[in-house]
Amino acid sequence: MLPARGDSRFDLRLLAAVAAAKVVLNLAFAGRYGYFRDELYYIACTDHLAWGYVDHPPLSIFILWISRHLIGDSLYAIRLPAALAGGLAVFLTGLMARRLGGGRFAQLLAAGATALSPVVLGNAGRFFSMNAFDLALWAAGAYVLLGIVLDGGNRRLWLAFGIVAGLGVLNKYSMLFFGAGAVIGLLVTPARREFARPWIWIGGAIAAAIVLPHLAWELRNGFPTAEFIRNATLQKNTPLPPGEFLFEQVMETGIAQTLLWIAGLVAMARASTTPRLRVFAWSYVAVLGVMLATRSKAYYLTPIYFPYMAAGAVAFESLTRARTFAWMKPALAVVLVGLSAVALPFAVPVLPVDAFIRYERALGQMPKADERQEVGDLPQYYADMFGWEEMVARVAAIYRTLTPEEQRQTVIYARNYGEAAAIDFFGRRYGLPRAVAPHNSYWYWGTGVEPMHIAIVFGKFRDVDRSLRDLKASFDDVELAAETDCAHCMPFEHHRGVFLGRGPRFSFRAIWAGERIFI
């Protein structure tokens, strides 16, 4: 790899333009389909600010709380921070190519390939999620680590690394994989001498200090996230065999992008002039091994690819300097854009829903379940954008049949955080009370009005008659009041019974300890 090139404001403006184009593409279709299940839940979390939640750390919720207060909670407003996080990852990848000695072509190739990557377009802009900030923070961590490796352990950079790592863990625990990979990469290369200097330890202390309030929350609440992770691993997530896990890396990052990051990984592993770059090669091997061993979801690994994408772009630029291979530049650009265009509807809702269903069927790409739930005609990340407003309207119709006095004594009991959060968000226009649910952080948020005389209850089972039989033991009188109906939603939310129960033979407060579901 070449020495780093001098500063060029024009090159930086080009990288910023590529990042901005990615943000614009996401926002152009941000209003299509509807709110995603987890977005509604995150919005609910902003009404209960804390240093922790059962299924995620607090940073993304703080970001969303600020965003809601500044620009509101329309689909465009909610998704803007995630799109911007993806744009930052794009810009940093271009900077990494520049730091590795890449010229203008390498920088634009690295940034452009990242901007068109399905995981960056999807997880950082399709909807609001902590995954968007995970991508940006891994990219920032890699950029800082690259500077440390190339600058021989610049002490100030270790302080920056500690800040990024701490914020990363405060956003999503998967940042611990990044940190562990960096440590292993340092230990097995000449860069291990960094551990004999104080600055890496100071950076670690900074990271720990940032995470400490969240750790205190976990301790105070009995480490609920550990229970959630254990239950999700054993009962919810679909384990992938190694071959399928690796294949999903290609699908998530993009076929043409895979050629780049593989080339970059090889270049870093063989870096003879800058052997400290092997830190990144060993880091990848370590993180991949841990994720395969723990049967992680395939997309958990995807934030790692930014430095390899950058290194691959630099290697490709170096190859095409020879006149014999100059034709490969336009060829790669055409392949990259063409393959990315084919994958685009799976990352961003550029097509109306019926057109998308026809498109995926034409390509033979039928939806697959990432979790142990049946899927319908859409992938889960699209299906969970459908049906929420209609569901709340049906609950509201039941609620309106009650007298004002009955309404004051009514609890709406949902079975999962998606249903509960939809009622809390859309129910405001109908005057609905906040929902009660035993699922994840909702369990901590209470049991609603006491004493409760009437309950609107979502059925426990997809089978309506089975749910009715289950509820008859808990109420003096219970009836099926409505059924949900959503054409493209997740199947378990379609034709769910919503029941009206009177004369409860229990109080939620008395049974709440045994109701909790952390999964």
Protein backbone atom coordinates (compact mmCIF):
# COMPACT_ATOMS: atom_id res chain seq x y z
CA MET A 1 0.00 0.00 0.00
CA LEU A 2 1.11 3.52 -0.77
CA PRO A 3 1.94 6.21 1.76
CA ALA A 4 -0.97 8.44 2.73
CA ARG A 5 -1.58 11.26 0.28
CA GLY A 6 -1.74 14.95 1.04
CA ASP A 7 -4.87 16.80 1.97
CA SER A 8 -7.35 17.65 -0.74
CA ARG A 9 -10.51 19.56 0.09
CA PHE A 10 -12.02 18.59 -3.22
CA ASP A 11 -11.62 14.88 -2.43
CA LEU A 12 -13.27 15.40 0.94
CA ARG A 13 -16.16 17.21 -0.71
CA LEU A 14 -16.58 14.30 -3.11
CA LEU A 15 -16.71 11.83 -0.22
CA ALA A 16 -19.24 14.03 1.56
CA ALA A 17 -21.33 14.11 -1.63
CA VAL A 18 -21.36 10.30 -1.83
CA ALA A 19 -22.39 10.09 1.84
CA ALA A 20 -25.09 12.71 1.29
CA ALA A 21 -26.41 10.82 -1.76
CA LYS A 22 -26.82 7.73 0.40
CA VAL A 23 -28.79 9.74 2.98
CA VAL A 24 -31.00 11.27 0.28
CA LEU A 25 -31.73 7.83 -1.21
CA ASN A 26 -32.89 6.54 2.16
CA LEU A 27 -35.01 9.60 2.91
CA ALA A 28 -36.60 9.58 -0.54
CA PHE A 29 -38.40 6.35 0.41
CA ALA A 30 -38.61 6.79 4.17
CA GLY A 31 -42.35 7.42 4.03
CA ARG A 32 -43.20 4.20 2.23
CA TYR A 33 -44.86 1.25 4.02
CA GLY A 34 -45.08 2.37 7.67
CA TYR A 35 -43.51 2.39 11.12
CA PHE A 36 -41.40 -0.65 11.90
CA ARG A 37 -42.22 -2.68 15.03
CA ASP A 38 -38.94 -1.78 16.75
CA GLU A 39 -39.30 1.91 15.84
CA LEU A 40 -42.57 2.04 17.73
CA TYR A 41 -40.88 0.34 20.67
CA TYR A 42 -37.95 2.77 20.59
CA ILE A 43 -40.40 5.66 20.57
CA ALA A 44 -42.06 4.17 23.66
CA CYS A 45 -38.64 3.86 25.29
CA THR A 46 -38.06 7.60 24.84
CA ASP A 47 -41.05 8.15 27.13
CA HIS A 48 -39.24 6.11 29.80
CA LEU A 49 -35.67 7.42 29.69
CA ALA A 50 -33.29 5.24 31.68
CA TRP A 51 -29.69 4.07 31.67
CA GLY A 52 -30.76 0.73 30.32
CA TYR A 53 -33.48 -1.38 28.76
CA VAL A 54 -34.01 -5.12 28.77
CA ASP A 55 -33.04 -5.63 25.13
CA HIS A 56 -30.66 -2.76 24.38
CA PRO A 57 -28.41 -0.16 26.02
CA PRO A 58 -29.61 3.46 26.15
CA LEU A 59 -27.60 5.48 23.61
CA SER A 60 -29.90 5.04 20.62
CA ILE A 61 -32.88 5.96 22.82
CA PHE A 62 -31.16 9.18 23.95
CA ILE A 63 -30.50 10.03 20.30
CA LEU A 64 -34.13 9.39 19.37
CA TRP A 65 -35.38 11.41 22.37
CA ILE A 66 -33.34 14.40 21.18
CA SER A 67 -34.47 13.90 17.59
CA ARG A 68 -38.16 13.69 18.56
CA HIS A 69 -37.92 16.93 20.51
CA LEU A 70 -36.15 18.73 17.68
CA ILE A 71 -37.91 17.48 14.54
CA GLY A 72 -40.87 15.35 15.65
CA ASP A 73 -41.77 11.73 15.07
CA SER A 74 -42.94 11.48 11.47
CA LEU A 75 -41.45 8.61 9.50
CA TYR A 76 -38.97 11.00 7.88
CA ALA A 77 -37.97 12.55 11.19
CA ILE A 78 -37.59 9.20 12.96
CA ARG A 79 -35.43 7.75 10.19
CA LEU A 80 -33.20 10.78 9.60
CA PRO A 81 -30.70 10.01 12.44
CA ALA A 82 -30.27 6.45 11.19
CA ALA A 83 -29.71 7.61 7.62
CA LEU A 84 -27.15 10.15 8.83
CA ALA A 85 -25.34 7.43 10.80
CA GLY A 86 -25.07 5.42 7.61
CA GLY A 87 -23.76 8.47 5.78
CA LEU A 88 -21.06 8.84 8.43
CA ALA A 89 -20.01 5.21 7.91
CA VAL A 90 -19.74 5.88 4.16
CA PHE A 91 -17.62 8.99 4.69
CA LEU A 92 -15.31 7.25 7.17
CA THR A 93 -14.76 4.34 4.79
CA GLY A 94 -13.61 6.78 2.12
CA LEU A 95 -11.31 8.40 4.69
CA MET A 96 -9.86 4.99 5.54
CA ALA A 97 -9.04 4.42 1.89
CA ARG A 98 -7.37 7.83 1.87
CA ARG A 99 -5.44 6.99 5.05
CA LEU A 100 -4.22 3.79 3.44
CA GLY A 101 -2.74 5.77 0.56
CA GLY A 102 -5.61 5.57 -1.87
CA GLY A 103 -6.10 8.24 -4.48
CA ARG A 104 -9.36 9.80 -5.55
CA PHE A 105 -10.59 6.69 -7.35
CA ALA A 106 -9.92 4.41 -4.38
CA GLN A 107 -11.61 6.81 -1.99
CA LEU A 108 -14.70 7.14 -4.17
CA LEU A 109 -14.78 3.39 -4.81
CA ALA A 110 -14.63 2.62 -1.09
CA ALA A 111 -17.29 5.20 -0.23
CA GLY A 112 -19.51 4.31 -3.18
CA ALA A 113 -19.35 0.56 -2.52
CA THR A 114 -20.23 1.19 1.11
CA ALA A 115 -23.08 3.53 0.22
CA LEU A 116 -24.59 0.87 -2.07
CA SER A 117 -24.06 -2.01 0.33
CA PRO A 118 -27.41 -3.61 1.23
CA VAL A 119 -26.61 -3.65 4.95
CA VAL A 120 -25.69 0.04 5.01
CA LEU A 121 -28.71 1.12 2.99
CA GLY A 122 -30.97 -1.18 4.99
CA ASN A 123 -29.75 -1.15 8.58
CA ALA A 124 -28.76 2.51 8.47
CA GLY A 125 -31.74 4.28 6.99
CA ARG A 126 -34.59 1.90 6.22
CA PHE A 127 -35.84 2.43 9.76
CA PHE A 128 -34.57 3.75 13.07
CA SER A 129 -32.49 1.19 14.91
CA MET A 130 -29.47 0.93 17.16
CA ASN A 131 -27.94 -1.08 14.27
CA ALA A 132 -27.48 2.14 12.30
CA PHE A 133 -25.32 3.64 15.04
CA ASP A 134 -23.56 0.31 15.46
CA LEU A 135 -22.37 0.58 11.86
CA ALA A 136 -21.21 4.17 12.33
CA LEU A 137 -19.41 3.45 15.61
CA TRP A 138 -17.61 0.37 14.26
CA ALA A 139 -16.52 2.48 11.28
CA ALA A 140 -15.31 5.21 13.63
CA GLY A 141 -13.49 2.67 15.79
CA ALA A 142 -11.81 1.15 12.75
CA TYR A 143 -10.78 4.59 11.51
CA VAL A 144 -9.19 5.45 14.86
CA LEU A 145 -7.52 2.03 15.14
CA LEU A 146 -6.13 2.44 11.64
CA GLY A 147 -4.59 5.73 12.70
CA ILE A 148 -3.07 4.05 15.76
CA VAL A 149 -1.63 1.23 13.67
CA LEU A 150 -0.18 3.52 11.03
CA ASP A 151 1.06 6.18 13.47
CA GLY A 152 2.73 3.71 15.80
CA GLY A 153 0.38 4.18 18.72
CA ASN A 154 -0.41 7.87 18.79
CA ARG A 155 -1.39 8.40 22.42
CA ARG A 156 -4.20 10.83 21.75
CA LEU A 157 -5.81 8.32 19.41
CA TRP A 158 -6.10 5.78 22.22
CA LEU A 159 -8.20 8.32 24.11
CA ALA A 160 -10.44 8.72 21.07
CA PHE A 161 -10.61 4.93 20.71
CA GLY A 162 -11.81 4.67 24.31
CA ILE A 163 -14.56 7.23 23.68
CA VAL A 164 -15.75 5.44 20.54
CA ALA A 165 -15.61 2.02 22.19
CA GLY A 166 -17.52 3.26 25.23
CA LEU A 167 -20.23 4.88 23.12
CA GLY A 168 -20.35 1.75 20.99
CA VAL A 169 -21.08 -0.49 23.98
CA LEU A 170 -23.58 2.08 25.27
CA ASN A 171 -25.35 1.64 21.93
CA LYS A 172 -25.10 -2.13 21.37
CA TYR A 173 -23.18 -4.90 23.08
CA SER A 174 -21.81 -6.19 19.79
CA MET A 175 -19.19 -3.43 20.07
CA LEU A 176 -17.54 -5.79 22.56
CA PHE A 177 -16.80 -8.09 19.61
CA PHE A 178 -14.98 -5.21 17.92
CA GLY A 179 -12.96 -4.51 21.05
CA ALA A 180 -12.08 -8.16 21.56
CA GLY A 181 -11.02 -8.48 17.92
CA ALA A 182 -8.81 -5.40 18.22
CA VAL A 183 -7.15 -6.77 21.38
CA ILE A 184 -6.47 -10.14 19.76
CA GLY A 185 -5.14 -8.47 16.61
CA LEU A 186 -2.76 -6.38 18.68
CA LEU A 187 -1.59 -9.33 20.78
CA VAL A 188 -0.61 -11.56 17.84
CA THR A 189 1.26 -8.86 15.90
CA PRO A 190 4.21 -6.59 16.64
CA ALA A 191 1.67 -4.01 17.76
CA ARG A 192 1.46 -5.92 21.06
CA ARG A 193 3.96 -3.42 22.48
CA GLU A 194 1.02 -1.04 22.84
CA PHE A 195 0.09 -2.94 26.00
CA ALA A 196 3.38 -1.86 27.61
CA ARG A 197 2.36 1.79 27.26
CA PRO A 198 -0.18 3.58 29.47
CA TRP A 199 -2.34 5.09 26.75
CA ILE A 200 -4.21 1.96 25.73
CA TRP A 201 -5.12 1.40 29.37
CA ILE A 202 -6.28 4.99 29.75
CA GLY A 203 -8.44 4.53 26.67
CA GLY A 204 -9.89 1.38 28.24
CA ALA A 205 -10.63 3.28 31.45
CA ILE A 206 -12.44 5.98 29.46
CA ALA A 207 -14.57 3.33 27.75
CA ALA A 208 -15.39 1.74 31.11
CA ALA A 209 -16.34 5.10 32.61
CA ILE A 210 -18.77 5.78 29.75
CA VAL A 211 -20.43 2.39 30.19
CA LEU A 212 -20.48 2.51 34.01
CA PRO A 213 -23.94 4.13 34.44
CA HIS A 214 -25.47 1.46 32.23
CA LEU A 215 -23.62 -1.28 34.09
CA ALA A 216 -24.97 0.13 37.36
CA TRP A 217 -28.50 -0.04 35.90
CA GLU A 218 -27.97 -3.67 34.93
CA LEU A 219 -26.66 -4.50 38.39
CA ARG A 220 -29.51 -2.70 40.12
CA ASN A 221 -32.08 -4.62 38.04
CA GLY A 222 -30.48 -8.05 38.26
CA PHE A 223 -28.85 -8.09 34.79
CA PRO A 224 -32.06 -8.46 32.75
CA THR A 225 -30.16 -8.17 29.46
CA ALA A 226 -28.24 -11.36 30.22
CA GLU A 227 -31.57 -13.15 30.64
CA PHE A 228 -32.84 -11.60 27.40
CA ILE A 229 -29.75 -12.66 25.42
CA ARG A 230 -29.90 -16.20 26.80
CA ASN A 231 -33.60 -16.58 26.00
CA ALA A 232 -33.26 -15.04 22.54
CA THR A 233 -30.36 -17.35 21.68
CA LEU A 234 -32.14 -20.49 22.84
CA GLN A 235 -35.74 -19.73 21.91
CA LYS A 236 -35.98 -16.99 19.27
CA ASN A 237 -33.00 -16.65 16.93
CA THR A 238 -32.62 -19.14 14.11
CA PRO A 239 -29.13 -20.68 14.29
CA LEU A 240 -27.19 -20.65 11.03
CA PRO A 241 -24.64 -23.29 10.03
CA PRO A 242 -21.20 -21.81 9.19
CA GLY A 243 -21.66 -22.09 5.43
CA GLU A 244 -24.96 -20.24 5.48
CA PHE A 245 -23.54 -17.64 7.87
CA LEU A 246 -20.71 -16.92 5.42
CA PHE A 247 -23.09 -16.86 2.45
CA GLU A 248 -25.19 -14.28 4.27
CA GLN A 249 -22.11 -12.08 4.58
CA VAL A 250 -22.07 -11.88 0.79
CA MET A 251 -25.77 -11.09 0.62
CA GLU A 252 -25.61 -8.51 3.40
CA THR A 253 -22.54 -6.64 2.15
CA GLY A 254 -23.22 -7.07 -1.57
CA ILE A 255 -21.69 -9.35 -4.19
CA ALA A 256 -19.38 -6.77 -5.77
CA GLN A 257 -18.56 -5.35 -2.34
CA THR A 258 -17.52 -8.82 -1.23
CA LEU A 259 -14.83 -8.87 -3.91
CA LEU A 260 -13.48 -5.63 -2.46
CA TRP A 261 -13.45 -6.61 1.20
CA ILE A 262 -11.92 -10.01 0.47
CA ALA A 263 -9.18 -8.27 -1.51
CA GLY A 264 -8.73 -5.83 1.35
CA LEU A 265 -8.57 -8.58 3.95
CA VAL A 266 -5.91 -10.40 1.92
CA ALA A 267 -3.96 -7.18 1.40
CA MET A 268 -3.94 -6.48 5.13
CA ALA A 269 -2.95 -10.05 5.94
CA ARG A 270 -0.02 -9.84 3.50
CA ALA A 271 1.04 -6.28 4.34
CA SER A 272 4.83 -6.63 4.25
CA THR A 273 5.69 -2.93 4.19
CA THR A 274 3.27 -2.15 7.03
CA PRO A 275 3.07 -5.37 9.09
CA ARG A 276 1.05 -3.67 11.82
CA LEU A 277 -1.90 -3.69 9.41
CA ARG A 278 -2.14 -7.41 10.13
CA VAL A 279 -3.94 -6.35 13.29
CA PHE A 280 -7.04 -6.02 11.12
CA ALA A 281 -6.61 -9.42 9.47
CA TRP A 282 -6.31 -11.20 12.81
CA SER A 283 -9.16 -9.14 14.20
CA TYR A 284 -11.48 -10.37 11.45
CA VAL A 285 -10.52 -14.01 12.03
CA ALA A 286 -11.09 -13.64 15.77
CA VAL A 287 -14.49 -11.91 15.52
CA LEU A 288 -15.70 -14.32 12.83
CA GLY A 289 -14.66 -17.28 14.98
CA VAL A 290 -16.47 -15.96 18.04
CA MET A 291 -19.66 -15.25 16.10
CA LEU A 292 -19.65 -18.68 14.48
CA ALA A 293 -19.09 -20.29 17.88
CA THR A 294 -21.94 -18.34 19.48
CA ARG A 295 -24.27 -18.83 16.48
CA SER A 296 -24.87 -15.12 16.11
CA LYS A 297 -27.18 -13.61 13.54
CA ALA A 298 -25.40 -13.06 10.24
CA TYR A 299 -25.80 -9.27 10.25
CA TYR A 300 -23.99 -8.97 13.59
CA LEU A 301 -20.69 -9.30 11.72
CA THR A 302 -21.47 -6.79 8.98
CA PRO A 303 -20.14 -3.63 10.75
CA ILE A 304 -16.62 -5.09 10.57
CA TYR A 305 -16.17 -4.72 6.81
CA PHE A 306 -15.45 -0.99 6.41
CA PRO A 307 -11.64 -1.08 6.72
CA TYR A 308 -11.42 -4.10 4.41
CA MET A 309 -13.62 -2.36 1.85
CA ALA A 310 -11.23 0.58 2.00
CA ALA A 311 -8.13 -1.60 1.71
CA GLY A 312 -9.67 -3.50 -1.20
CA ALA A 313 -10.38 -0.26 -3.04
CA VAL A 314 -6.75 0.82 -2.58
CA ALA A 315 -5.49 -2.55 -3.82
CA PHE A 316 -7.77 -2.37 -6.84
CA GLU A 317 -6.63 1.16 -7.66
CA SER A 318 -3.00 0.02 -7.43
CA LEU A 319 -3.70 -2.88 -9.81
CA THR A 320 -5.38 -0.68 -12.40
CA ARG A 321 -2.49 1.77 -12.57
CA ALA A 322 -0.99 -0.58 -15.10
CA ARG A 323 -2.34 0.32 -18.54
CA THR A 324 -3.15 -3.34 -19.17
CA PHE A 325 -5.72 -3.33 -16.37
CA ALA A 326 -7.06 0.21 -16.76
CA TRP A 327 -10.26 -1.14 -18.32
CA MET A 328 -11.14 -2.75 -15.01
CA LYS A 329 -12.07 0.59 -13.42
CA PRO A 330 -15.19 1.24 -15.53
CA ALA A 331 -15.95 -2.48 -15.56
CA LEU A 332 -16.00 -2.68 -11.77
CA ALA A 333 -18.09 0.48 -11.53
CA VAL A 334 -20.69 -0.99 -13.90
CA VAL A 335 -20.77 -4.31 -12.04
CA LEU A 336 -21.00 -2.58 -8.67
CA VAL A 337 -23.86 -0.30 -9.68
CA GLY A 338 -25.66 -3.04 -11.63
CA LEU A 339 -25.59 -5.66 -8.87
CA SER A 340 -26.45 -3.06 -6.26
CA ALA A 341 -29.46 -1.95 -8.31
CA VAL A 342 -30.72 -5.55 -8.38
CA ALA A 343 -30.40 -5.80 -4.59
CA LEU A 344 -31.73 -2.28 -3.89
CA PRO A 345 -35.43 -3.19 -3.41
CA PHE A 346 -34.42 -5.64 -0.68
CA ALA A 347 -32.60 -2.89 1.22
CA VAL A 348 -34.81 0.15 0.61
CA PRO A 349 -38.58 0.11 -0.11
CA VAL A 350 -38.20 1.64 -3.56
CA LEU A 351 -41.07 -0.48 -4.90
CA PRO A 352 -44.73 -0.44 -3.85
CA VAL A 353 -45.43 -3.52 -1.77
CA ASP A 354 -47.25 -5.53 -4.46
CA ALA A 355 -44.52 -4.74 -7.00
CA PHE A 356 -41.87 -5.83 -4.49
CA ILE A 357 -43.62 -9.16 -3.90
CA ARG A 358 -43.67 -9.79 -7.65
CA TYR A 359 -40.00 -8.76 -7.86
CA GLU A 360 -38.78 -11.08 -5.14
CA ARG A 361 -40.74 -13.97 -6.62
CA ALA A 362 -39.30 -13.28 -10.07
CA LEU A 363 -35.81 -13.53 -8.57
CA GLY A 364 -36.71 -16.65 -6.60
CA GLN A 365 -35.90 -14.87 -3.34
CA MET A 366 -38.66 -15.95 -1.01
CA PRO A 367 -38.61 -14.55 2.54
CA LYS A 368 -36.57 -16.44 5.12
CA ALA A 369 -37.05 -16.24 8.86
CA ASP A 370 -34.21 -14.79 10.94
CA GLU A 371 -36.20 -15.76 14.02
CA ARG A 372 -38.35 -18.75 14.88
CA GLN A 373 -41.48 -17.16 13.53
CA GLU A 374 -43.40 -17.96 10.39
CA VAL A 375 -42.96 -15.38 7.63
CA GLY A 376 -45.49 -14.43 4.98
CA ASP A 377 -45.07 -12.79 1.58
CA LEU A 378 -42.55 -10.20 2.84
CA PRO A 379 -39.24 -10.40 4.69
CA GLN A 380 -39.71 -9.69 8.39
CA TYR A 381 -38.03 -6.28 8.16
CA TYR A 382 -40.78 -5.18 5.75
CA ALA A 383 -43.67 -7.22 7.16
CA ASP A 384 -43.24 -5.55 10.55
CA MET A 385 -44.11 -2.22 8.93
CA PHE A 386 -47.68 -3.28 8.22
CA GLY A 387 -50.88 -3.55 10.19
CA TRP A 388 -50.20 -1.41 13.24
CA GLU A 389 -52.56 1.49 12.58
CA GLU A 390 -55.37 -0.85 11.56
CA MET A 391 -54.84 -2.92 14.69
CA VAL A 392 -55.04 0.13 16.94
CA ALA A 393 -58.20 1.31 15.16
CA ARG A 394 -59.88 -1.99 16.04
CA VAL A 395 -58.83 -1.72 19.67
CA ALA A 396 -60.14 1.85 19.73
CA ALA A 397 -63.49 0.71 18.34
CA ILE A 398 -63.81 -1.71 21.28
CA TYR A 399 -62.77 0.99 23.74
CA ARG A 400 -65.43 3.38 22.43
CA THR A 401 -68.20 0.90 23.27
CA LEU A 402 -67.41 1.43 26.96
CA THR A 403 -68.88 4.18 29.11
CA PRO A 404 -66.52 6.93 30.36
CA GLU A 405 -66.58 5.34 33.82
CA GLU A 406 -65.69 1.91 32.37
CA GLN A 407 -62.90 3.42 30.29
CA ARG A 408 -61.27 4.82 33.43
CA GLN A 409 -61.13 1.29 34.85
CA THR A 410 -59.90 -0.43 31.67
CA VAL A 411 -56.49 -1.89 30.92
CA ILE A 412 -55.32 -2.72 27.40
CA TYR A 413 -53.13 -5.82 27.65
CA ALA A 414 -50.83 -6.58 24.71
CA ARG A 415 -48.70 -9.69 24.32
CA ASN A 416 -45.57 -8.13 22.84
CA TYR A 417 -43.82 -4.78 22.68
CA GLY A 418 -44.85 -4.20 19.06
CA GLU A 419 -48.56 -4.35 19.86
CA ALA A 420 -48.12 -2.32 23.04
CA ALA A 421 -45.97 0.34 21.40
CA ALA A 422 -48.39 0.67 18.48
CA ILE A 423 -51.23 1.32 20.94
CA ASP A 424 -49.13 3.89 22.80
CA PHE A 425 -48.15 5.70 19.59
CA PHE A 426 -51.27 5.56 17.40
CA GLY A 427 -53.67 5.33 20.32
CA ARG A 428 -53.10 8.94 21.28
CA ARG A 429 -55.41 10.10 18.50
CA TYR A 430 -58.17 7.86 19.90
CA GLY A 431 -57.67 8.74 23.54
CA LEU A 432 -56.55 5.23 24.45
CA PRO A 433 -54.72 4.61 27.72
CA ARG A 434 -51.17 3.35 27.58
CA ALA A 435 -50.86 -0.35 26.97
CA VAL A 436 -49.67 -2.91 29.48
CA ALA A 437 -47.42 -5.74 28.33
CA PRO A 438 -45.11 -8.28 29.99
CA HIS A 439 -42.61 -8.18 27.14
CA ASN A 440 -39.08 -6.85 27.70
CA SER A 441 -38.91 -3.27 29.00
CA TYR A 442 -42.69 -2.95 29.03
CA TRP A 443 -42.67 -5.30 32.02
CA TYR A 444 -40.81 -2.61 34.00
CA TRP A 445 -43.27 0.11 33.03
CA GLY A 446 -46.14 -1.12 35.15
CA THR A 447 -49.56 -2.71 35.20
CA GLY A 448 -51.91 0.16 34.38
CA VAL A 449 -54.88 1.27 36.47
CA GLU A 450 -55.63 -0.49 39.73
CA PRO A 451 -58.18 -1.71 40.52
CA MET A 452 -58.84 -2.92 36.98
CA HIS A 453 -62.45 -3.90 36.22
CA ILE A 454 -62.29 -4.37 32.43
CA ALA A 455 -59.50 -5.53 30.15
CA ILE A 456 -59.06 -5.43 26.39
CA VAL A 457 -56.74 -8.38 25.87
CA PHE A 458 -54.83 -9.66 22.86
CA GLY A 459 -55.16 -13.41 22.50
CA LYS A 460 -52.24 -15.50 23.64
CA PHE A 461 -52.52 -17.87 20.68
CA ARG A 462 -53.14 -17.46 16.97
CA ASP A 463 -56.08 -19.83 17.36
CA VAL A 464 -58.94 -17.57 18.46
CA ASP A 465 -60.98 -20.33 20.14
CA ARG A 466 -57.95 -21.52 22.10
CA SER A 467 -57.29 -17.97 23.30
CA LEU A 468 -60.92 -17.59 24.34
CA ARG A 469 -60.80 -20.82 26.36
CA ASP A 470 -57.57 -19.63 27.99
CA LEU A 471 -59.14 -16.31 29.08
CA LYS A 472 -62.41 -17.73 30.41
CA ALA A 473 -60.61 -18.92 33.53
CA SER A 474 -59.50 -15.35 34.28
CA PHE A 475 -62.71 -13.32 33.83
CA ASP A 476 -66.33 -13.61 34.91
CA ASP A 477 -67.30 -12.69 31.37
CA VAL A 478 -65.14 -12.58 28.24
CA GLU A 479 -66.00 -12.28 24.57
CA LEU A 480 -64.23 -12.03 21.25
CA ALA A 481 -64.56 -8.36 20.36
CA ALA A 482 -62.45 -8.13 17.17
CA GLU A 483 -59.80 -9.83 15.06
CA THR A 484 -56.77 -8.14 13.56
CA ASP A 485 -56.57 -8.10 9.78
CA CYS A 486 -53.40 -7.10 7.94
CA ALA A 487 -52.52 -8.34 4.48
CA HIS A 488 -48.73 -8.14 4.62
CA CYS A 489 -47.89 -8.19 8.32
CA MET A 490 -46.14 -11.00 10.16
CA PRO A 491 -48.50 -14.02 10.15
CA PHE A 492 -48.71 -14.24 13.94
CA GLU A 493 -50.21 -10.71 13.99
CA HIS A 494 -52.86 -11.60 11.36
CA HIS A 495 -56.30 -12.71 12.61
CA ARG A 496 -55.25 -12.32 16.23
CA GLY A 497 -58.21 -12.28 18.57
CA VAL A 498 -58.81 -9.15 20.66
CA PHE A 499 -61.04 -9.92 23.64
CA LEU A 500 -63.11 -7.88 26.04
CA GLY A 501 -63.03 -9.25 29.57
CA ARG A 502 -65.15 -8.11 32.52
CA GLY A 503 -64.91 -9.05 36.17
CA PRO A 504 -61.25 -10.10 36.38
CA ARG A 505 -60.50 -12.83 38.90
CA PHE A 506 -56.99 -11.48 39.42
CA SER A 507 -55.05 -8.24 39.58
CA PHE A 508 -52.09 -7.59 37.31
CA ARG A 509 -50.16 -6.30 40.29
CA ALA A 510 -50.51 -9.66 42.04
CA ILE A 511 -49.45 -11.79 39.07
CA TRP A 512 -46.97 -9.42 37.43
CA ALA A 513 -43.78 -11.03 38.75
CA GLY A 514 -44.64 -14.26 36.94
CA GLU A 515 -45.80 -12.60 33.74
CA ARG A 516 -42.50 -11.20 32.48
CA ILE A 517 -41.18 -12.29 29.12
CA PHE A 518 -37.60 -11.29 28.32
CA ILE A 519 -36.91 -12.53 24.79
